[in-house]
């Protein structure tokens, strides 16, 4: 019987990190090493070598050791135009499922889209049904705190040219969604 794996506990290769590190610049070829420091005491740190080709045929060559055996394979990259009309949004193409995704997870040997694996789930999916509402309520309380921190931050603008900003509207939505919750009842009720 296979044990269920939580996706938060496995190494992940995120497109947002590659962009943040400047690895997705057009017409470049970059070699990089990425290391994961696992907070789980029973698992050692992992590292992976990336060869990122952003020229004519964008792709990444992943190279790493798994149980002492060298693993090396290609992951294609595709882009779409941003809906804001400002540049491109890059995605991995999962070598197994061929799905476009922004995160590849390593469960077992390879980094694939989460749907390529059996017995994987997100942390929130492990809650019994009777606790899912409690989890949602806790999220709403956390969102209220985020909203107030945002609204009262130093350079926050609630309106621009007489119209409410998107951030302000989002913060107000969070406050409205959680206004009827009693913190004591959510945590102890």
C-alpha atoms as a PDB file:
ATOM      1  CA  UNK A   1       0.000   0.000   0.000  1.00  0.00           C
ATOM      2  CA  UNK A   2       1.442   3.368  -1.033  1.00  0.00           C
ATOM      3  CA  UNK A   3       1.582   6.116   1.520  1.00  0.00           C
ATOM      4  CA  UNK A   4       0.079   9.503   0.675  1.00  0.00           C
ATOM      5  CA  UNK A   5       2.697  12.189   0.069  1.00  0.00           C
ATOM      6  CA  UNK A   6       2.100  15.831   0.984  1.00  0.00           C
ATOM      7  CA  UNK A   7       3.203  18.088  -1.856  1.00  0.00           C
ATOM      8  CA  UNK A   8       4.604  20.642   0.584  1.00  0.00           C
ATOM      9  CA  UNK A   9       7.124  18.033   1.807  1.00  0.00           C
ATOM     10  CA  UNK A  10       8.754  17.287  -1.550  1.00  0.00           C
ATOM     11  CA  UNK A  11      11.299  19.336  -3.515  1.00  0.00           C
ATOM     12  CA  UNK A  12       9.633  21.727  -5.946  1.00  0.00           C
ATOM     13  CA  UNK A  13      10.996  23.550  -8.946  1.00  0.00           C
ATOM     14  CA  UNK A  14       9.054  26.802  -9.285  1.00  0.00           C
ATOM     15  CA  UNK A  15       8.918  29.008 -12.352  1.00  0.00           C
ATOM     16  CA  UNK A  16       8.497  32.071 -10.101  1.00  0.00           C
ATOM     17  CA  UNK A  17      11.893  31.338  -8.502  1.00  0.00           C
ATOM     18  CA  UNK A  18      13.614  30.982 -11.866  1.00  0.00           C
ATOM     19  CA  UNK A  19      12.194  34.354 -12.879  1.00  0.00           C
ATOM     20  CA  UNK A  20      13.162  35.915  -9.531  1.00  0.00           C
ATOM     21  CA  UNK A  21      16.750  34.682  -9.942  1.00  0.00           C
ATOM     22  CA  UNK A  22      16.961  36.163 -13.471  1.00  0.00           C
ATOM     23  CA  UNK A  23      17.241  32.807 -15.250  1.00  0.00           C
ATOM     24  CA  UNK A  24      14.532  33.474 -17.861  1.00  0.00           C
ATOM     25  CA  UNK A  25      16.159  36.278 -19.818  1.00  0.00           C
ATOM     26  CA  UNK A  26      15.700  35.997 -23.590  1.00  0.00           C
ATOM     27  CA  UNK A  27      18.573  34.721 -25.733  1.00  0.00           C
ATOM     28  CA  UNK A  28      20.617  33.437 -22.761  1.00  0.00           C
ATOM     29  CA  UNK A  29      22.161  30.141 -21.722  1.00  0.00           C
ATOM     30  CA  UNK A  30      22.592  29.728 -17.952  1.00  0.00           C
ATOM     31  CA  UNK A  31      24.102  26.997 -15.782  1.00  0.00           C
ATOM     32  CA  UNK A  32      22.884  27.065 -12.185  1.00  0.00           C
ATOM     33  CA  UNK A  33      22.723  24.877  -9.097  1.00  0.00           C
ATOM     34  CA  UNK A  34      19.725  24.843  -6.775  1.00  0.00           C
ATOM     35  CA  UNK A  35      19.776  23.365  -3.258  1.00  0.00           C
ATOM     36  CA  UNK A  36      16.817  22.539  -1.041  1.00  0.00           C
ATOM     37  CA  UNK A  37      17.344  22.666   2.706  1.00  0.00           C
ATOM     38  CA  UNK A  38      14.774  20.217   3.997  1.00  0.00           C
ATOM     39  CA  UNK A  39      13.301  21.115   7.375  1.00  0.00           C
ATOM     40  CA  UNK A  40      12.397  17.485   7.904  1.00  0.00           C
ATOM     41  CA  UNK A  41      15.157  16.052  10.069  1.00  0.00           C
ATOM     42  CA  UNK A  42      15.057  12.632   8.436  1.00  0.00           C
ATOM     43  CA  UNK A  43      15.783  13.884   4.923  1.00  0.00           C
ATOM     44  CA  UNK A  44      19.103  15.386   3.748  1.00  0.00           C
ATOM     45  CA  UNK A  45      19.397  18.476   1.572  1.00  0.00           C
ATOM     46  CA  UNK A  46      19.058  17.960  -2.167  1.00  0.00           C
ATOM     47  CA  UNK A  47      20.677  19.780  -5.043  1.00  0.00           C
ATOM     48  CA  UNK A  48      20.034  19.904  -8.749  1.00  0.00           C
ATOM     49  CA  UNK A  49      21.954  21.345 -11.692  1.00  0.00           C
ATOM     50  CA  UNK A  50      20.006  23.353 -14.244  1.00  0.00           C
ATOM     51  CA  UNK A  51      21.101  24.147 -17.778  1.00  0.00           C
ATOM     52  CA  UNK A  52      18.639  26.743 -18.991  1.00  0.00           C
ATOM     53  CA  UNK A  53      18.518  27.472 -22.709  1.00  0.00           C
ATOM     54  CA  UNK A  54      16.389  30.538 -23.499  1.00  0.00           C
ATOM     55  CA  UNK A  55      17.425  30.815 -27.158  1.00  0.00           C
ATOM     56  CA  UNK A  56      15.479  29.369 -30.113  1.00  0.00           C
ATOM     57  CA  UNK A  57      14.064  26.298 -28.327  1.00  0.00           C
ATOM     58  CA  UNK A  58      13.590  27.223 -24.619  1.00  0.00           C
ATOM     59  CA  UNK A  59      14.174  24.298 -22.276  1.00  0.00           C
ATOM     60  CA  UNK A  60      15.904  23.198 -19.086  1.00  0.00           C
ATOM     61  CA  UNK A  61      18.144  20.187 -18.636  1.00  0.00           C
ATOM     62  CA  UNK A  62      17.767  18.841 -15.088  1.00  0.00           C
ATOM     63  CA  UNK A  63      20.717  16.870 -13.653  1.00  0.00           C
ATOM     64  CA  UNK A  64      20.817  15.379 -10.157  1.00  0.00           C
ATOM     65  CA  UNK A  65      21.460  12.206  -8.203  1.00  0.00           C
ATOM     66  CA  UNK A  66      18.641   9.981  -6.991  1.00  0.00           C
ATOM     67  CA  UNK A  67      19.719   7.179  -4.639  1.00  0.00           C
ATOM     68  CA  UNK A  68      23.253   7.559  -5.990  1.00  0.00           C
ATOM     69  CA  UNK A  69      22.134   7.161  -9.618  1.00  0.00           C
ATOM     70  CA  UNK A  70      22.630  10.115 -12.008  1.00  0.00           C
ATOM     71  CA  UNK A  71      19.383  11.405 -13.526  1.00  0.00           C
ATOM     72  CA  UNK A  72      19.321  13.770 -16.498  1.00  0.00           C
ATOM     73  CA  UNK A  73      16.374  14.842 -18.655  1.00  0.00           C
ATOM     74  CA  UNK A  74      14.890  17.756 -20.538  1.00  0.00           C
ATOM     75  CA  UNK A  75      11.904  19.906 -19.576  1.00  0.00           C
ATOM     76  CA  UNK A  76      10.542  22.159 -22.310  1.00  0.00           C
ATOM     77  CA  UNK A  77       9.458  25.723 -21.579  1.00  0.00           C
ATOM     78  CA  UNK A  78       6.572  27.580 -23.212  1.00  0.00           C
ATOM     79  CA  UNK A  79       5.340  31.130 -22.854  1.00  0.00           C
ATOM     80  CA  UNK A  80       2.102  33.014 -23.334  1.00  0.00           C
ATOM     81  CA  UNK A  81       1.490  36.730 -23.571  1.00  0.00           C
ATOM     82  CA  UNK A  82       0.566  38.377 -20.290  1.00  0.00           C
ATOM     83  CA  UNK A  83      -3.087  39.393 -20.121  1.00  0.00           C
ATOM     84  CA  UNK A  84      -1.791  42.840 -19.116  1.00  0.00           C
ATOM     85  CA  UNK A  85       0.139  43.083 -22.370  1.00  0.00           C
ATOM     86  CA  UNK A  86       3.429  43.421 -20.488  1.00  0.00           C
ATOM     87  CA  UNK A  87       5.762  40.627 -21.483  1.00  0.00           C
ATOM     88  CA  UNK A  88       5.531  36.870 -21.340  1.00  0.00           C
ATOM     89  CA  UNK A  89       4.486  34.344 -18.709  1.00  0.00           C
ATOM     90  CA  UNK A  90       6.671  31.233 -18.741  1.00  0.00           C
ATOM     91  CA  UNK A  91       5.591  27.670 -17.920  1.00  0.00           C
ATOM     92  CA  UNK A  92       7.177  24.229 -17.698  1.00  0.00           C
ATOM     93  CA  UNK A  93       5.788  21.493 -19.949  1.00  0.00           C
ATOM     94  CA  UNK A  94       5.627  18.383 -17.777  1.00  0.00           C
ATOM     95  CA  UNK A  95       7.660  15.611 -19.453  1.00  0.00           C
ATOM     96  CA  UNK A  96       5.128  13.004 -18.281  1.00  0.00           C
ATOM     97  CA  UNK A  97       1.683  14.617 -18.627  1.00  0.00           C
ATOM     98  CA  UNK A  98       2.578  17.294 -21.226  1.00  0.00           C
ATOM     99  CA  UNK A  99       0.578  19.767 -19.100  1.00  0.00           C
ATOM    100  CA  UNK A 100       1.660  23.373 -18.815  1.00  0.00           C
ATOM    101  CA  UNK A 101       2.487  24.195 -15.181  1.00  0.00           C
ATOM    102  CA  UNK A 102       4.389  26.638 -13.000  1.00  0.00           C
ATOM    103  CA  UNK A 103       5.558  24.103 -10.393  1.00  0.00           C
ATOM    104  CA  UNK A 104       7.209  20.718 -10.858  1.00  0.00           C
ATOM    105  CA  UNK A 105       7.225  18.343  -7.862  1.00  0.00           C
ATOM    106  CA  UNK A 106       9.716  15.549  -7.205  1.00  0.00           C
ATOM    107  CA  UNK A 107       7.889  12.526  -5.878  1.00  0.00           C
ATOM    108  CA  UNK A 108      10.198   9.593  -6.390  1.00  0.00           C
ATOM    109  CA  UNK A 109      12.727   9.978  -9.190  1.00  0.00           C
ATOM    110  CA  UNK A 110      11.455  12.755 -11.473  1.00  0.00           C
ATOM    111  CA  UNK A 111      10.123  16.315 -11.328  1.00  0.00           C
ATOM    112  CA  UNK A 112       6.623  16.259 -12.827  1.00  0.00           C
ATOM    113  CA  UNK A 113       3.278  18.022 -12.650  1.00  0.00           C
ATOM    114  CA  UNK A 114       1.338  16.904  -9.546  1.00  0.00           C
ATOM    115  CA  UNK A 115      -1.235  14.992 -11.597  1.00  0.00           C
ATOM    116  CA  UNK A 116       1.494  12.607 -12.813  1.00  0.00           C
ATOM    117  CA  UNK A 117       1.679  11.043  -9.347  1.00  0.00           C
ATOM    118  CA  UNK A 118      -0.686   8.777  -7.469  1.00  0.00           C
ATOM    119  CA  UNK A 119      -1.252   9.276  -3.744  1.00  0.00           C
ATOM    120  CA  UNK A 120      -0.237  12.940  -3.508  1.00  0.00           C
ATOM    121  CA  UNK A 121      -2.263  15.719  -1.968  1.00  0.00           C
ATOM    122  CA  UNK A 122      -2.143  19.226  -0.589  1.00  0.00           C
ATOM    123  CA  UNK A 123      -2.060  19.754   3.162  1.00  0.00           C
ATOM    124  CA  UNK A 124      -5.630  21.096   3.237  1.00  0.00           C
ATOM    125  CA  UNK A 125      -6.900  17.901   1.579  1.00  0.00           C
ATOM    126  CA  UNK A 126      -5.827  15.860   4.616  1.00  0.00           C
ATOM    127  CA  UNK A 127      -8.416  17.456   6.892  1.00  0.00           C
ATOM    128  CA  UNK A 128     -11.484  15.426   7.797  1.00  0.00           C
ATOM    129  CA  UNK A 129     -14.626  16.894   6.243  1.00  0.00           C
ATOM    130  CA  UNK A 130     -15.848  18.267   9.574  1.00  0.00           C
ATOM    131  CA  UNK A 131     -12.618  20.297   9.953  1.00  0.00           C
ATOM    132  CA  UNK A 132     -12.564  21.827   6.478  1.00  0.00           C
ATOM    133  CA  UNK A 133     -14.971  24.595   7.465  1.00  0.00           C
ATOM    134  CA  UNK A 134     -12.824  25.370  10.505  1.00  0.00           C
ATOM    135  CA  UNK A 135      -9.789  25.609   8.215  1.00  0.00           C
ATOM    136  CA  UNK A 136     -11.657  28.014   5.895  1.00  0.00           C
ATOM    137  CA  UNK A 137     -12.684  30.142   8.884  1.00  0.00           C
ATOM    138  CA  UNK A 138      -9.080  30.308  10.105  1.00  0.00           C
ATOM    139  CA  UNK A 139      -8.030  31.396   6.608  1.00  0.00           C
ATOM    140  CA  UNK A 140     -10.666  34.151   6.697  1.00  0.00           C
ATOM    141  CA  UNK A 141      -9.349  35.389  10.065  1.00  0.00           C
ATOM    142  CA  UNK A 142      -5.802  35.396   8.680  1.00  0.00           C
ATOM    143  CA  UNK A 143      -7.002  37.325   5.621  1.00  0.00           C
ATOM    144  CA  UNK A 144      -8.594  39.971   7.863  1.00  0.00           C
ATOM    145  CA  UNK A 145      -5.251  40.469   9.582  1.00  0.00           C
ATOM    146  CA  UNK A 146      -3.485  40.701   6.196  1.00  0.00           C
ATOM    147  CA  UNK A 147      -6.080  43.216   5.007  1.00  0.00           C
ATOM    148  CA  UNK A 148      -5.616  45.531   7.975  1.00  0.00           C
ATOM    149  CA  UNK A 149      -1.823  45.259   7.738  1.00  0.00           C
ATOM    150  CA  UNK A 150      -2.080  46.212   4.061  1.00  0.00           C
ATOM    151  CA  UNK A 151      -4.502  49.087   4.547  1.00  0.00           C
ATOM    152  CA  UNK A 152      -2.433  50.611   7.357  1.00  0.00           C
ATOM    153  CA  UNK A 153       0.966  50.086   5.716  1.00  0.00           C
ATOM    154  CA  UNK A 154       3.077  53.177   5.135  1.00  0.00           C
ATOM    155  CA  UNK A 155       2.584  53.837   1.401  1.00  0.00           C
ATOM    156  CA  UNK A 156      -0.755  52.142   0.792  1.00  0.00           C
ATOM    157  CA  UNK A 157      -3.100  53.903  -1.655  1.00  0.00           C
ATOM    158  CA  UNK A 158      -6.768  53.121  -1.278  1.00  0.00           C
ATOM    159  CA  UNK A 159      -7.816  55.228  -4.285  1.00  0.00           C
ATOM    160  CA  UNK A 160      -6.245  56.333  -7.543  1.00  0.00           C
ATOM    161  CA  UNK A 161      -7.836  59.011  -9.705  1.00  0.00           C
ATOM    162  CA  UNK A 162     -10.949  58.839  -7.542  1.00  0.00           C
ATOM    163  CA  UNK A 163     -11.422  55.088  -7.956  1.00  0.00           C
ATOM    164  CA  UNK A 164     -10.643  52.378  -5.387  1.00  0.00           C
ATOM    165  CA  UNK A 165      -7.498  50.391  -6.164  1.00  0.00           C
ATOM    166  CA  UNK A 166      -7.599  46.636  -6.748  1.00  0.00           C
ATOM    167  CA  UNK A 167      -5.601  46.026  -3.545  1.00  0.00           C
ATOM    168  CA  UNK A 168      -8.042  48.106  -1.535  1.00  0.00           C
ATOM    169  CA  UNK A 169     -11.037  46.258  -2.992  1.00  0.00           C
ATOM    170  CA  UNK A 170      -9.399  42.909  -2.218  1.00  0.00           C
ATOM    171  CA  UNK A 171      -8.650  43.958   1.366  1.00  0.00           C
ATOM    172  CA  UNK A 172     -12.219  45.148   1.857  1.00  0.00           C
ATOM    173  CA  UNK A 173     -13.528  41.856   0.443  1.00  0.00           C
ATOM    174  CA  UNK A 174     -11.418  39.913   2.976  1.00  0.00           C
ATOM    175  CA  UNK A 175     -12.738  42.046   5.819  1.00  0.00           C
ATOM    176  CA  UNK A 176     -16.330  41.609   4.641  1.00  0.00           C
ATOM    177  CA  UNK A 177     -15.969  37.818   4.303  1.00  0.00           C
ATOM    178  CA  UNK A 178     -14.737  37.409   7.859  1.00  0.00           C
ATOM    179  CA  UNK A 179     -16.641  40.116   9.696  1.00  0.00           C
ATOM    180  CA  UNK A 180     -19.173  37.703  11.230  1.00  0.00           C
ATOM    181  CA  UNK A 181     -16.556  35.310  12.599  1.00  0.00           C
ATOM    182  CA  UNK A 182     -15.765  35.260  16.281  1.00  0.00           C
ATOM    183  CA  UNK A 183     -12.084  34.436  16.776  1.00  0.00           C
ATOM    184  CA  UNK A 184     -12.739  32.553  20.003  1.00  0.00           C
ATOM    185  CA  UNK A 185     -15.402  30.342  18.400  1.00  0.00           C
ATOM    186  CA  UNK A 186     -13.212  29.537  15.396  1.00  0.00           C
ATOM    187  CA  UNK A 187     -10.265  28.389  17.504  1.00  0.00           C
ATOM    188  CA  UNK A 188     -12.019  26.915  20.562  1.00  0.00           C
ATOM    189  CA  UNK A 189     -15.673  26.444  19.628  1.00  0.00           C
END
